[in-house]
Protein backbone atom coordinates (compact mmCIF):
# COMPACT_ATOMS: atom_id res chain seq x y z
CA UNK A 1 0.29 0.31 -0.26
CA UNK A 2 2.41 2.86 0.60
CA UNK A 3 4.37 1.60 -2.43
CA UNK A 4 1.60 2.40 -4.41
CA UNK A 5 1.38 6.03 -2.34
CA UNK A 6 4.98 6.92 -3.20
CA UNK A 7 4.15 5.54 -6.85
CA UNK A 8 1.61 8.02 -7.02
CA UNK A 9 3.09 10.75 -5.33
CA UNK A 10 6.28 10.42 -7.80
CA UNK A 11 4.60 10.70 -10.81
CA UNK A 12 2.46 13.85 -9.75
CA UNK A 13 4.46 16.89 -11.73
CA UNK A 14 3.25 19.67 -9.42
CA UNK A 15 4.56 21.98 -12.18
CA UNK A 16 2.54 20.55 -14.38
CA UNK A 17 -0.69 23.15 -13.90
CA UNK A 18 1.25 25.66 -12.30
CA UNK A 19 1.20 28.88 -15.13
CA UNK A 20 4.77 30.91 -15.56
CA UNK A 21 3.12 33.84 -14.60
CA UNK A 22 2.48 32.86 -10.47
CA UNK A 23 3.25 35.86 -8.25
CA UNK A 24 5.92 35.16 -5.27
CA UNK A 25 3.95 34.27 -3.05
CA UNK A 26 2.30 31.46 -4.79
CA UNK A 27 5.61 29.74 -6.03
CA UNK A 28 7.02 30.08 -2.97
CA UNK A 29 3.82 27.77 -1.83
CA UNK A 30 3.82 25.41 -5.07
CA UNK A 31 8.35 25.32 -3.14
CA UNK A 32 6.70 24.27 0.31
CA UNK A 33 4.24 21.87 -1.02
CA UNK A 34 6.96 19.99 -3.49
CA UNK A 35 9.31 19.67 -0.31
CA UNK A 36 6.14 18.35 1.94
CA UNK A 37 5.51 15.71 -1.25
CA UNK A 38 9.15 14.50 -1.00
CA UNK A 39 9.18 13.71 2.55
CA UNK A 40 5.38 12.16 2.50
CA UNK A 41 7.19 10.01 -0.16
CA UNK A 42 10.54 9.62 1.95
CA UNK A 43 8.58 8.53 5.44
CA UNK A 44 6.19 5.46 3.12
CA UNK A 45 9.03 4.59 2.00
CA UNK A 46 10.17 4.04 5.32
CA UNK A 47 7.47 2.93 6.31
CA UNK A 48 7.43 0.48 4.40
CA UNK A 49 10.97 -0.69 5.32
CA UNK A 50 10.19 -0.64 9.24
CA UNK A 51 7.09 -2.78 8.25
CA UNK A 52 8.62 -5.25 6.60
CA UNK A 53 11.74 -5.47 9.37
CA UNK A 54 9.37 -5.84 11.75
CA UNK A 55 7.70 -8.98 10.01
CA UNK A 56 11.12 -9.98 9.72
CA UNK A 57 11.69 -9.76 13.82
CA UNK A 58 8.04 -11.52 14.18
CA UNK A 59 8.63 -14.45 12.05
CA UNK A 60 12.04 -14.72 14.28
CA UNK A 61 10.29 -14.71 17.39
CA UNK A 62 7.91 -17.18 16.66
CA UNK A 63 10.93 -19.66 15.35
CA UNK A 64 13.10 -18.82 18.18
CA UNK A 65 10.18 -19.92 20.90
CA UNK A 66 9.53 -22.96 18.87
CA UNK A 67 13.01 -23.78 19.29
CA UNK A 68 12.87 -22.91 23.07
CA UNK A 69 9.77 -25.28 23.25
CA UNK A 70 11.19 -28.14 21.96
CA UNK A 71 14.27 -28.13 23.88
């Protein structure tokens, strides 16, 4: 799911509908939005990595518990 969101954000071009005659305030706001979009994409990837690590550690814990029971 996070990967889908990151892909969607990556494909979205914030300058696509941004007019070249925009004033300075709008240009600043556009830059802030672009930075936030990059941050969301980065955090989405980090969440995905953490979820994968959690899955691996959970499986490892189950294996260790099973080994403990059988020894």
